[in-house]
């Protein structure tokens, strides 16, 4: 699942309860922290934060954005690719 989807499905916890229950277990979960029912903060596990940083880096790279846009145009025009397993097999043979 994507980080955005996980965020939408994340548990909500009031700030007072978060303070009471603060533990390693809570720190490993994606949690929306609320204050009187209004979201005020998000606890994001370290691995999800790294994934988010990677995504932002890719979005800042013009070459990556251009390659993705070209691939989308090809897909819309009906061009078919090769299965990922075939690609991995080619790479392994090298």
Foldseek 3Di string as FASTA:
>chain_A
DAPVVQLVVAAEEEPVVCVVPVDPVVLQGWYFYDHVPHGDDTRDHPVNVVVVVVVVVLVVDPVSVVVVVVVVVCVVVPDDDDDVVVVVVVVVVD
